[in-house]
Amino acid sequence: CTAPNFDANRDAEILRKAMKGFGTDEQAIIDVVANRSNDQRQKIKAAFKTMYGKDLIKDLKSELSGNVEELILALFMPSTYYDAWSLRHAMKGVGTQERVLIEILCTRTNQEIRDIVNCYKSEFGRDIEQDIRADTSGHFERLLISMCQGNRDENQNVDYQKAQEDAQRLYQAGEGRLGTDESCFNMVLASRSFPQLKATVEAYSRIANRDLLSSIDREFSGNVERGLKAILQCALNRPAFFAERLYYSMKGAGTDDSTLIRIIVTRSEIDLVQIKQVFSQMYQKTLASMISSDTSGDYRRLLLAIVGQ
């Protein structure tokens, strides 16, 4: 949230005091970080360097550790950079975190995608398409390369005739034949606008007597299935897609903290309010209560300060 009478210098001073001398005053850091917008946090970083000739991020890194460190560093990253950074880390080193690639590339708007691609190049000196090609393969690779174009149709008016034709096409590319014509699914799901896809899903149910999501279940498997479903879930109800990801990051033994942190931070100024509403409807408990029983200490305090009750 945006602090009304915001003073970057005062905040920088509070952070400096919180980290100076013996021990760290985590509560003071949390109070500043949780109640500022991303834009305000960038100004605090700049003020800190101007006032003390030190890098705020380096100082925070040396004072904090574990989940609370990951969360605070994420909050201080400009949002485009955080997405680019998350993608880079999902492909760096051994193994690839395909779910992170899906969560970001299949859900962002055209402008967000283009900004991420440019940032990836300028910050890491790498071409994201080349990294995707090196780290993924087959139909999943093609879907992600399509996503990287940031070229989805943006006309918000729905063409119901076209929705009908696309639904027919998808039926004939999957349920209506032996085998699957994957490229047809890629073409429709990568290029149509989200409202258009929503209409296509509705037309498909009438033609196939089956839900398009369940047809994708039957026709595809693995990462490409997850990617295609993520696109459709975003077309139908984007907050519900993130609510589900949050739920599964905490359900069962252990917590997938990186996913929890990434979604809370990336959506906090976009649709977290709607995600919270939909989460309560889907799971009969609040997001805050689930976070509360799944985390502890300063980490829990900061997450709850961002999420609100």
C-alpha atoms as a PDB file:
ATOM      1  CA  CYS A   1       0.000   0.000   0.000  1.00  0.00           C
ATOM      2  CA  THR A   2       1.132   3.573  -0.625  1.00  0.00           C
ATOM      3  CA  ALA A   3       2.064   5.541   2.474  1.00  0.00           C
ATOM      4  CA  PRO A   4       0.241   8.918   2.420  1.00  0.00           C
ATOM      5  CA  ASN A   5       2.836  11.268   3.985  1.00  0.00           C
ATOM      6  CA  PHE A   6       5.814   9.412   2.569  1.00  0.00           C
ATOM      7  CA  ASP A   7       9.344  10.612   3.323  1.00  0.00           C
ATOM      8  CA  ALA A   8      12.075   8.504   1.716  1.00  0.00           C
ATOM      9  CA  ASN A   9      14.838  10.091   3.801  1.00  0.00           C
ATOM     10  CA  ARG A  10      13.054   9.392   7.052  1.00  0.00           C
ATOM     11  CA  ASP A  11      12.487   5.774   6.018  1.00  0.00           C
ATOM     12  CA  ALA A  12      16.130   5.381   5.016  1.00  0.00           C
ATOM     13  CA  GLU A  13      17.106   6.702   8.440  1.00  0.00           C
ATOM     14  CA  ILE A  14      14.803   4.244  10.233  1.00  0.00           C
ATOM     15  CA  LEU A  15      16.302   1.347   8.241  1.00  0.00           C
ATOM     16  CA  ARG A  16      19.851   2.495   8.959  1.00  0.00           C
ATOM     17  CA  LYS A  17      19.098   2.671  12.700  1.00  0.00           C
ATOM     18  CA  ALA A  18      17.420  -0.738  12.604  1.00  0.00           C
ATOM     19  CA  MET A  19      20.594  -2.291  11.188  1.00  0.00           C
ATOM     20  CA  LYS A  20      23.223  -0.313  13.059  1.00  0.00           C
ATOM     21  CA  GLY A  21      25.085  -1.628  16.077  1.00  0.00           C
ATOM     22  CA  PHE A  22      24.429  -4.946  17.744  1.00  0.00           C
ATOM     23  CA  GLY A  23      21.453  -7.010  16.533  1.00  0.00           C
ATOM     24  CA  THR A  24      18.792  -6.022  14.050  1.00  0.00           C
ATOM     25  CA  ASP A  25      15.454  -4.396  14.782  1.00  0.00           C
ATOM     26  CA  GLU A  26      13.391  -6.553  12.400  1.00  0.00           C
ATOM     27  CA  GLN A  27      10.110  -5.034  13.513  1.00  0.00           C
ATOM     28  CA  ALA A  28      11.236  -1.554  12.443  1.00  0.00           C
ATOM     29  CA  ILE A  29      12.272  -2.928   9.037  1.00  0.00           C
ATOM     30  CA  ILE A  30       8.944  -4.742   8.641  1.00  0.00           C
ATOM     31  CA  ASP A  31       6.947  -1.604   9.518  1.00  0.00           C
ATOM     32  CA  VAL A  32       8.673   0.389   6.797  1.00  0.00           C
ATOM     33  CA  VAL A  33       8.743  -2.302   4.115  1.00  0.00           C
ATOM     34  CA  ALA A  34       5.180  -3.577   4.503  1.00  0.00           C
ATOM     35  CA  ASN A  35       3.492  -0.190   4.396  1.00  0.00           C
ATOM     36  CA  ARG A  36       5.119   1.233   1.266  1.00  0.00           C
ATOM     37  CA  SER A  37       4.404   0.743  -2.424  1.00  0.00           C
ATOM     38  CA  ASN A  38       7.071  -0.756  -4.694  1.00  0.00           C
ATOM     39  CA  ASP A  39       7.646   2.665  -6.169  1.00  0.00           C
ATOM     40  CA  GLN A  40       8.236   4.147  -2.705  1.00  0.00           C
ATOM     41  CA  ARG A  41      10.681   1.317  -1.875  1.00  0.00           C
ATOM     42  CA  GLN A  42      12.751   2.254  -4.945  1.00  0.00           C
ATOM     43  CA  LYS A  43      12.931   5.831  -3.621  1.00  0.00           C
ATOM     44  CA  ILE A  44      14.038   4.583  -0.182  1.00  0.00           C
ATOM     45  CA  LYS A  45      16.861   2.611  -1.845  1.00  0.00           C
ATOM     46  CA  ALA A  46      18.019   5.736  -3.667  1.00  0.00           C
ATOM     47  CA  ALA A  47      17.763   7.914  -0.532  1.00  0.00           C
ATOM     48  CA  PHE A  48      19.747   5.355   1.491  1.00  0.00           C
ATOM     49  CA  LYS A  49      22.621   5.404  -0.991  1.00  0.00           C
ATOM     50  CA  THR A  50      22.601   9.200  -1.160  1.00  0.00           C
ATOM     51  CA  MET A  51      22.577   9.613   2.621  1.00  0.00           C
ATOM     52  CA  TYR A  52      25.014   6.886   3.667  1.00  0.00           C
ATOM     53  CA  GLY A  53      27.010   5.970   0.558  1.00  0.00           C
ATOM     54  CA  LYS A  54      25.942   2.372   1.138  1.00  0.00           C
ATOM     55  CA  ASP A  55      23.830  -0.082  -0.779  1.00  0.00           C
ATOM     56  CA  LEU A  56      20.609  -0.820   1.153  1.00  0.00           C
ATOM     57  CA  ILE A  57      20.222  -4.259  -0.430  1.00  0.00           C
ATOM     58  CA  LYS A  58      23.755  -5.337   0.559  1.00  0.00           C
ATOM     59  CA  ASP A  59      23.127  -4.126   4.103  1.00  0.00           C
ATOM     60  CA  LEU A  60      19.806  -5.979   4.325  1.00  0.00           C
ATOM     61  CA  LYS A  61      21.457  -9.144   2.986  1.00  0.00           C
ATOM     62  CA  SER A  62      24.086  -9.041   5.689  1.00  0.00           C
ATOM     63  CA  GLU A  63      21.516  -8.484   8.456  1.00  0.00           C
ATOM     64  CA  LEU A  64      18.786 -10.913   7.411  1.00  0.00           C
ATOM     65  CA  SER A  65      18.580 -14.579   6.481  1.00  0.00           C
ATOM     66  CA  GLY A  66      16.220 -17.295   5.292  1.00  0.00           C
ATOM     67  CA  ASN A  67      12.657 -16.603   4.179  1.00  0.00           C
ATOM     68  CA  VAL A  68      12.493 -13.140   5.675  1.00  0.00           C
ATOM     69  CA  GLU A  69      15.548 -12.143   3.637  1.00  0.00           C
ATOM     70  CA  GLU A  70      14.099 -13.581   0.428  1.00  0.00           C
ATOM     71  CA  LEU A  71      10.804 -11.768   1.067  1.00  0.00           C
ATOM     72  CA  ILE A  72      12.351  -8.387   1.861  1.00  0.00           C
ATOM     73  CA  LEU A  73      14.765  -8.512  -1.080  1.00  0.00           C
ATOM     74  CA  ALA A  74      11.842  -9.400  -3.372  1.00  0.00           C
ATOM     75  CA  LEU A  75       9.859  -6.416  -2.066  1.00  0.00           C
ATOM     76  CA  PHE A  76      12.764  -4.101  -2.895  1.00  0.00           C
ATOM     77  CA  MET A  77      13.082  -5.303  -6.496  1.00  0.00           C
ATOM     78  CA  PRO A  78      11.264  -3.301  -9.186  1.00  0.00           C
ATOM     79  CA  SER A  79       8.409  -5.581 -10.301  1.00  0.00           C
ATOM     80  CA  THR A  80       9.662  -6.186 -13.861  1.00  0.00           C
ATOM     81  CA  TYR A  81      13.116  -6.987 -12.547  1.00  0.00           C
ATOM     82  CA  TYR A  82      11.689  -9.428  -9.994  1.00  0.00           C
ATOM     83  CA  ASP A  83       9.870 -11.347 -12.754  1.00  0.00           C
ATOM     84  CA  ALA A  84      13.013 -11.400 -14.917  1.00  0.00           C
ATOM     85  CA  TRP A  85      15.121 -12.444 -11.927  1.00  0.00           C
ATOM     86  CA  SER A  86      12.666 -15.252 -11.055  1.00  0.00           C
ATOM     87  CA  LEU A  87      12.768 -16.559 -14.632  1.00  0.00           C
ATOM     88  CA  ARG A  88      16.569 -16.412 -14.700  1.00  0.00           C
ATOM     89  CA  HIS A  89      16.772 -18.357 -11.431  1.00  0.00           C
ATOM     90  CA  ALA A  90      14.232 -20.896 -12.656  1.00  0.00           C
ATOM     91  CA  MET A  91      16.563 -21.743 -15.555  1.00  0.00           C
ATOM     92  CA  LYS A  92      19.952 -21.280 -13.909  1.00  0.00           C
ATOM     93  CA  GLY A  93      21.989 -24.205 -12.619  1.00  0.00           C
ATOM     94  CA  VAL A  94      20.860 -27.808 -12.519  1.00  0.00           C
ATOM     95  CA  GLY A  95      17.260 -28.550 -13.427  1.00  0.00           C
ATOM     96  CA  THR A  96      14.559 -26.128 -14.482  1.00  0.00           C
ATOM     97  CA  GLN A  97      11.641 -24.935 -12.404  1.00  0.00           C
ATOM     98  CA  GLU A  98       9.062 -25.182 -15.155  1.00  0.00           C
ATOM     99  CA  ARG A  99       6.202 -24.159 -12.877  1.00  0.00           C
ATOM    100  CA  VAL A 100       7.840 -20.768 -12.341  1.00  0.00           C
ATOM    101  CA  LEU A 101       8.168 -20.285 -16.114  1.00  0.00           C
ATOM    102  CA  ILE A 102       4.462 -21.111 -16.503  1.00  0.00           C
ATOM    103  CA  GLU A 103       3.362 -18.960 -13.573  1.00  0.00           C
ATOM    104  CA  ILE A 104       5.043 -15.878 -15.036  1.00  0.00           C
ATOM    105  CA  LEU A 105       5.044 -16.277 -18.817  1.00  0.00           C
ATOM    106  CA  CYS A 106       1.492 -17.638 -19.149  1.00  0.00           C
ATOM    107  CA  THR A 107      -0.181 -15.051 -16.907  1.00  0.00           C
ATOM    108  CA  ARG A 108       1.356 -11.646 -17.643  1.00  0.00           C
ATOM    109  CA  THR A 109      -0.010  -8.976 -19.987  1.00  0.00           C
ATOM    110  CA  ASN A 110       1.698  -8.170 -23.309  1.00  0.00           C
ATOM    111  CA  GLN A 111       3.325  -5.054 -21.920  1.00  0.00           C
ATOM    112  CA  GLU A 112       4.563  -6.896 -18.832  1.00  0.00           C
ATOM    113  CA  ILE A 113       6.048  -9.653 -21.033  1.00  0.00           C
ATOM    114  CA  ARG A 114       7.834  -7.185 -23.307  1.00  0.00           C
ATOM    115  CA  ASP A 115       9.242  -5.328 -20.314  1.00  0.00           C
ATOM    116  CA  ILE A 116      10.419  -8.613 -18.752  1.00  0.00           C
ATOM    117  CA  VAL A 117      12.126  -9.733 -21.986  1.00  0.00           C
ATOM    118  CA  ASN A 118      13.949  -6.385 -22.292  1.00  0.00           C
ATOM    119  CA  CYS A 119      14.919  -6.364 -18.621  1.00  0.00           C
ATOM    120  CA  TYR A 120      16.237  -9.938 -18.866  1.00  0.00           C
ATOM    121  CA  LYS A 121      18.492  -8.802 -21.706  1.00  0.00           C
ATOM    122  CA  SER A 122      19.691  -5.580 -20.065  1.00  0.00           C
ATOM    123  CA  GLU A 123      20.192  -6.976 -16.548  1.00  0.00           C
ATOM    124  CA  PHE A 124      21.563 -10.454 -17.272  1.00  0.00           C
ATOM    125  CA  GLY A 125      22.991  -9.898 -20.762  1.00  0.00           C
ATOM    126  CA  ARG A 126      21.043 -12.900 -22.011  1.00  0.00           C
ATOM    127  CA  ASP A 127      18.357 -13.670 -24.549  1.00  0.00           C
ATOM    128  CA  ILE A 128      15.406 -15.262 -22.777  1.00  0.00           C
ATOM    129  CA  GLU A 129      14.342 -17.186 -25.897  1.00  0.00           C
ATOM    130  CA  GLN A 130      17.755 -18.831 -26.127  1.00  0.00           C
ATOM    131  CA  ASP A 131      17.616 -19.753 -22.438  1.00  0.00           C
ATOM    132  CA  ILE A 132      14.134 -21.239 -22.882  1.00  0.00           C
ATOM    133  CA  ARG A 133      15.287 -23.234 -25.925  1.00  0.00           C
ATOM    134  CA  ALA A 134      18.257 -24.560 -23.984  1.00  0.00           C
ATOM    135  CA  ASP A 135      16.171 -25.531 -20.955  1.00  0.00           C
ATOM    136  CA  THR A 136      12.895 -26.860 -22.362  1.00  0.00           C
ATOM    137  CA  SER A 137      11.840 -28.863 -25.401  1.00  0.00           C
ATOM    138  CA  GLY A 138       9.012 -29.920 -27.670  1.00  0.00           C
ATOM    139  CA  HIS A 139       5.513 -28.505 -27.392  1.00  0.00           C
ATOM    140  CA  PHE A 140       6.249 -26.891 -24.026  1.00  0.00           C
ATOM    141  CA  GLU A 141       9.214 -24.987 -25.490  1.00  0.00           C
ATOM    142  CA  ARG A 142       7.043 -23.735 -28.376  1.00  0.00           C
ATOM    143  CA  LEU A 143       4.322 -22.571 -25.998  1.00  0.00           C
ATOM    144  CA  LEU A 144       6.813 -20.576 -23.892  1.00  0.00           C
ATOM    145  CA  ILE A 145       8.441 -19.042 -26.985  1.00  0.00           C
ATOM    146  CA  SER A 146       4.949 -17.992 -28.125  1.00  0.00           C
ATOM    147  CA  MET A 147       4.349 -16.435 -24.682  1.00  0.00           C
ATOM    148  CA  CYS A 148       7.642 -14.487 -24.860  1.00  0.00           C
ATOM    149  CA  GLN A 149       6.417 -12.570 -27.900  1.00  0.00           C
ATOM    150  CA  GLY A 150       4.020 -10.549 -25.749  1.00  0.00           C
ATOM    151  CA  ASN A 151       1.827 -10.459 -28.798  1.00  0.00           C
ATOM    152  CA  ARG A 152      -1.559 -11.755 -27.688  1.00  0.00           C
ATOM    153  CA  ASP A 153      -4.479  -9.999 -29.384  1.00  0.00           C
ATOM    154  CA  GLU A 154      -5.553  -7.135 -27.142  1.00  0.00           C
ATOM    155  CA  ASN A 155      -8.936  -6.310 -28.599  1.00  0.00           C
ATOM    156  CA  GLN A 156     -11.292  -6.679 -25.631  1.00  0.00           C
ATOM    157  CA  ASN A 157     -14.393  -7.079 -27.821  1.00  0.00           C
ATOM    158  CA  VAL A 158     -15.442 -10.674 -28.241  1.00  0.00           C
ATOM    159  CA  ASP A 159     -16.102 -12.108 -31.704  1.00  0.00           C
ATOM    160  CA  TYR A 160     -18.580 -14.890 -30.943  1.00  0.00           C
ATOM    161  CA  GLN A 161     -18.462 -16.266 -34.492  1.00  0.00           C
ATOM    162  CA  LYS A 162     -14.693 -16.680 -34.201  1.00  0.00           C
ATOM    163  CA  ALA A 163     -15.082 -18.247 -30.736  1.00  0.00           C
ATOM    164  CA  GLN A 164     -17.410 -20.808 -32.305  1.00  0.00           C
ATOM    165  CA  GLU A 165     -14.914 -21.502 -35.129  1.00  0.00           C
ATOM    166  CA  ASP A 166     -11.967 -21.801 -32.738  1.00  0.00           C
ATOM    167  CA  ALA A 167     -13.932 -24.132 -30.467  1.00  0.00           C
ATOM    168  CA  GLN A 168     -14.724 -26.325 -33.481  1.00  0.00           C
ATOM    169  CA  ARG A 169     -11.043 -26.250 -34.493  1.00  0.00           C
ATOM    170  CA  LEU A 170      -9.897 -27.271 -31.034  1.00  0.00           C
ATOM    171  CA  TYR A 171     -12.435 -30.062 -30.938  1.00  0.00           C
ATOM    172  CA  GLN A 172     -11.198 -31.353 -34.291  1.00  0.00           C
ATOM    173  CA  ALA A 173      -7.580 -31.005 -33.185  1.00  0.00           C
ATOM    174  CA  GLY A 174      -8.169 -33.133 -30.077  1.00  0.00           C
ATOM    175  CA  GLU A 175     -11.311 -34.990 -29.042  1.00  0.00           C
ATOM    176  CA  GLY A 176     -12.558 -35.242 -32.644  1.00  0.00           C
ATOM    177  CA  ARG A 177      -9.595 -37.196 -33.968  1.00  0.00           C
ATOM    178  CA  LEU A 178      -7.045 -39.859 -33.191  1.00  0.00           C
ATOM    179  CA  GLY A 179      -3.987 -38.216 -31.641  1.00  0.00           C
ATOM    180  CA  THR A 180      -3.677 -34.468 -31.035  1.00  0.00           C
ATOM    181  CA  ASP A 181      -2.789 -31.575 -33.309  1.00  0.00           C
ATOM    182  CA  GLU A 182      -0.832 -29.681 -30.647  1.00  0.00           C
ATOM    183  CA  SER A 183       0.026 -26.714 -32.870  1.00  0.00           C
ATOM    184  CA  CYS A 184      -3.657 -25.829 -33.197  1.00  0.00           C
ATOM    185  CA  PHE A 185      -3.995 -25.557 -29.401  1.00  0.00           C
ATOM    186  CA  ASN A 186      -0.813 -23.490 -29.276  1.00  0.00           C
ATOM    187  CA  MET A 187      -2.042 -21.121 -31.975  1.00  0.00           C
ATOM    188  CA  VAL A 188      -5.453 -20.434 -30.410  1.00  0.00           C
ATOM    189  CA  LEU A 189      -4.306 -20.232 -26.766  1.00  0.00           C
ATOM    190  CA  ALA A 190      -1.236 -18.097 -27.516  1.00  0.00           C
ATOM    191  CA  SER A 191      -2.820 -15.538 -29.824  1.00  0.00           C
ATOM    192  CA  ARG A 192      -6.440 -14.921 -28.787  1.00  0.00           C
ATOM    193  CA  SER A 193      -7.281 -12.259 -26.211  1.00  0.00           C
ATOM    194  CA  PHE A 194      -8.288 -13.449 -22.737  1.00  0.00           C
ATOM    195  CA  PRO A 195     -11.963 -12.373 -23.171  1.00  0.00           C
ATOM    196  CA  GLN A 196     -11.971 -14.137 -26.544  1.00  0.00           C
ATOM    197  CA  LEU A 197     -10.614 -17.331 -24.953  1.00  0.00           C
ATOM    198  CA  LYS A 198     -13.310 -17.162 -22.291  1.00  0.00           C
ATOM    199  CA  ALA A 199     -15.970 -17.129 -25.025  1.00  0.00           C
ATOM    200  CA  THR A 200     -14.145 -19.970 -26.789  1.00  0.00           C
ATOM    201  CA  VAL A 201     -14.252 -22.075 -23.613  1.00  0.00           C
ATOM    202  CA  GLU A 202     -18.025 -21.516 -23.410  1.00  0.00           C
ATOM    203  CA  ALA A 203     -18.526 -22.384 -27.089  1.00  0.00           C
ATOM    204  CA  TYR A 204     -16.392 -25.508 -26.656  1.00  0.00           C
ATOM    205  CA  SER A 205     -18.602 -26.871 -23.851  1.00  0.00           C
ATOM    206  CA  ARG A 206     -21.605 -26.660 -26.173  1.00  0.00           C
ATOM    207  CA  ILE A 207     -19.831 -28.418 -29.053  1.00  0.00           C
ATOM    208  CA  ALA A 208     -17.957 -31.108 -27.138  1.00  0.00           C
ATOM    209  CA  ASN A 209     -20.244 -31.657 -24.172  1.00  0.00           C
ATOM    210  CA  ARG A 210     -17.072 -31.428 -22.199  1.00  0.00           C
ATOM    211  CA  ASP A 211     -15.025 -28.760 -20.535  1.00  0.00           C
ATOM    212  CA  LEU A 212     -12.006 -27.538 -22.567  1.00  0.00           C
ATOM    213  CA  LEU A 213      -9.804 -27.857 -19.460  1.00  0.00           C
ATOM    214  CA  SER A 214     -10.699 -31.524 -19.146  1.00  0.00           C
ATOM    215  CA  SER A 215     -10.068 -32.085 -22.870  1.00  0.00           C
ATOM    216  CA  ILE A 216      -6.597 -30.590 -22.382  1.00  0.00           C
ATOM    217  CA  ASP A 217      -6.171 -33.030 -19.470  1.00  0.00           C
ATOM    218  CA  ARG A 218      -6.954 -35.920 -21.785  1.00  0.00           C
ATOM    219  CA  GLU A 219      -4.948 -34.715 -24.786  1.00  0.00           C
ATOM    220  CA  PHE A 220      -1.805 -33.383 -23.096  1.00  0.00           C
ATOM    221  CA  SER A 221       0.400 -34.196 -20.132  1.00  0.00           C
ATOM    222  CA  GLY A 222       3.233 -32.685 -18.115  1.00  0.00           C
ATOM    223  CA  ASN A 223       4.380 -29.101 -18.490  1.00  0.00           C
ATOM    224  CA  VAL A 224       2.633 -28.267 -21.747  1.00  0.00           C
ATOM    225  CA  GLU A 225      -0.655 -29.374 -20.169  1.00  0.00           C
ATOM    226  CA  ARG A 226       0.050 -27.177 -17.128  1.00  0.00           C
ATOM    227  CA  GLY A 227       0.943 -24.229 -19.375  1.00  0.00           C
ATOM    228  CA  LEU A 228      -2.164 -24.472 -21.541  1.00  0.00           C
ATOM    229  CA  LYS A 229      -4.365 -24.801 -18.457  1.00  0.00           C
ATOM    230  CA  ALA A 230      -2.713 -21.765 -16.841  1.00  0.00           C
ATOM    231  CA  ILE A 231      -3.567 -19.670 -19.912  1.00  0.00           C
ATOM    232  CA  LEU A 232      -7.201 -20.792 -19.826  1.00  0.00           C
ATOM    233  CA  GLN A 233      -7.446 -20.271 -16.063  1.00  0.00           C
ATOM    234  CA  CYS A 234      -6.194 -16.714 -16.559  1.00  0.00           C
ATOM    235  CA  ALA A 235      -8.793 -16.157 -19.252  1.00  0.00           C
ATOM    236  CA  LEU A 236     -11.562 -17.459 -16.992  1.00  0.00           C
ATOM    237  CA  ASN A 237     -10.451 -16.025 -13.645  1.00  0.00           C
ATOM    238  CA  ARG A 238      -6.864 -14.898 -13.128  1.00  0.00           C
ATOM    239  CA  PRO A 239      -7.155 -14.376  -9.338  1.00  0.00           C
ATOM    240  CA  ALA A 240      -8.435 -17.963  -8.991  1.00  0.00           C
ATOM    241  CA  PHE A 241      -5.310 -19.255 -10.759  1.00  0.00           C
ATOM    242  CA  PHE A 242      -3.101 -17.499  -8.198  1.00  0.00           C
ATOM    243  CA  ALA A 243      -5.322 -18.499  -5.278  1.00  0.00           C
ATOM    244  CA  GLU A 244      -4.897 -22.137  -6.266  1.00  0.00           C
ATOM    245  CA  ARG A 245      -1.113 -21.760  -6.575  1.00  0.00           C
ATOM    246  CA  LEU A 246      -0.982 -20.167  -3.127  1.00  0.00           C
ATOM    247  CA  TYR A 247      -3.109 -22.918  -1.625  1.00  0.00           C
ATOM    248  CA  TYR A 248      -0.883 -25.684  -3.000  1.00  0.00           C
ATOM    249  CA  SER A 249       2.277 -23.848  -1.918  1.00  0.00           C
ATOM    250  CA  MET A 250       1.099 -24.334   1.684  1.00  0.00           C
ATOM    251  CA  LYS A 251      -1.048 -27.475   1.584  1.00  0.00           C
ATOM    252  CA  GLY A 252       0.353 -30.652   3.101  1.00  0.00           C
ATOM    253  CA  ALA A 253       3.770 -31.091   4.691  1.00  0.00           C
ATOM    254  CA  GLY A 254       6.250 -28.260   4.249  1.00  0.00           C
ATOM    255  CA  THR A 255       5.767 -24.961   2.463  1.00  0.00           C
ATOM    256  CA  ASP A 256       6.992 -23.931  -0.975  1.00  0.00           C
ATOM    257  CA  ASP A 257       8.166 -20.582   0.384  1.00  0.00           C
ATOM    258  CA  SER A 258       9.573 -19.245  -2.883  1.00  0.00           C
ATOM    259  CA  THR A 259       6.183 -19.629  -4.571  1.00  0.00           C
ATOM    260  CA  LEU A 260       4.367 -18.133  -1.597  1.00  0.00           C
ATOM    261  CA  ILE A 261       6.736 -15.141  -1.559  1.00  0.00           C
ATOM    262  CA  ARG A 262       6.708 -14.679  -5.340  1.00  0.00           C
ATOM    263  CA  ILE A 263       2.928 -14.628  -5.674  1.00  0.00           C
ATOM    264  CA  ILE A 264       2.284 -12.409  -2.648  1.00  0.00           C
ATOM    265  CA  VAL A 265       4.922  -9.913  -3.816  1.00  0.00           C
ATOM    266  CA  THR A 266       4.128  -9.900  -7.541  1.00  0.00           C
ATOM    267  CA  ARG A 267       0.365  -9.615  -7.075  1.00  0.00           C
ATOM    268  CA  SER A 268       0.387  -7.323  -4.024  1.00  0.00           C
ATOM    269  CA  GLU A 269      -0.278  -4.180  -6.061  1.00  0.00           C
ATOM    270  CA  ILE A 270      -2.295  -5.807  -8.837  1.00  0.00           C
ATOM    271  CA  ASP A 271      -5.021  -8.227  -7.749  1.00  0.00           C
ATOM    272  CA  LEU A 272      -4.201  -9.494  -4.250  1.00  0.00           C
ATOM    273  CA  VAL A 273      -7.534  -8.168  -2.954  1.00  0.00           C
ATOM    274  CA  GLN A 274      -9.412 -10.312  -5.512  1.00  0.00           C
ATOM    275  CA  ILE A 275      -7.102 -13.282  -4.866  1.00  0.00           C
ATOM    276  CA  LYS A 276      -7.984 -13.109  -1.150  1.00  0.00           C
ATOM    277  CA  GLN A 277     -11.725 -13.027  -1.906  1.00  0.00           C
ATOM    278  CA  VAL A 278     -11.556 -15.941  -4.305  1.00  0.00           C
ATOM    279  CA  PHE A 279      -9.284 -17.893  -1.934  1.00  0.00           C
ATOM    280  CA  SER A 280     -11.912 -17.718   0.830  1.00  0.00           C
ATOM    281  CA  GLN A 281     -14.638 -18.863  -1.578  1.00  0.00           C
ATOM    282  CA  MET A 282     -12.547 -21.758  -2.918  1.00  0.00           C
ATOM    283  CA  TYR A 283     -11.104 -23.063   0.358  1.00  0.00           C
ATOM    284  CA  GLN A 284     -13.496 -21.922   3.121  1.00  0.00           C
ATOM    285  CA  LYS A 285     -10.654 -20.244   4.994  1.00  0.00           C
ATOM    286  CA  THR A 286      -8.856 -16.956   4.587  1.00  0.00           C
ATOM    287  CA  LEU A 287      -5.460 -16.649   2.941  1.00  0.00           C
ATOM    288  CA  ALA A 288      -4.226 -14.899   6.108  1.00  0.00           C
ATOM    289  CA  SER A 289      -5.294 -17.792   8.356  1.00  0.00           C
ATOM    290  CA  MET A 290      -3.516 -20.332   6.147  1.00  0.00           C
ATOM    291  CA  ILE A 291      -0.347 -18.225   6.056  1.00  0.00           C
ATOM    292  CA  SER A 292      -0.611 -17.814   9.803  1.00  0.00           C
ATOM    293  CA  SER A 293      -0.698 -21.531  10.518  1.00  0.00           C
ATOM    294  CA  ASP A 294       2.015 -22.287   7.939  1.00  0.00           C
ATOM    295  CA  THR A 295       4.707 -19.728   8.769  1.00  0.00           C
ATOM    296  CA  SER A 296       6.246 -18.178  11.868  1.00  0.00           C
ATOM    297  CA  GLY A 297       8.217 -15.295  13.329  1.00  0.00           C
ATOM    298  CA  ASP A 298       9.172 -12.151  11.414  1.00  0.00           C
ATOM    299  CA  TYR A 299       8.473 -13.950   8.155  1.00  0.00           C
ATOM    300  CA  ARG A 300       4.846 -14.533   9.180  1.00  0.00           C
ATOM    301  CA  ARG A 301       4.518 -10.974  10.519  1.00  0.00           C
ATOM    302  CA  LEU A 302       5.703  -9.437   7.265  1.00  0.00           C
ATOM    303  CA  LEU A 303       3.569 -11.696   5.044  1.00  0.00           C
ATOM    304  CA  LEU A 304       0.477 -10.878   7.116  1.00  0.00           C
ATOM    305  CA  ALA A 305       1.295  -7.162   7.049  1.00  0.00           C
ATOM    306  CA  ILE A 306       1.295  -7.313   3.226  1.00  0.00           C
ATOM    307  CA  VAL A 307      -1.740  -9.566   2.905  1.00  0.00           C
ATOM    308  CA  GLY A 308      -3.806  -7.803   5.573  1.00  0.00           C
ATOM    309  CA  GLN A 309      -6.598  -9.684   7.331  1.00  0.00           C
END
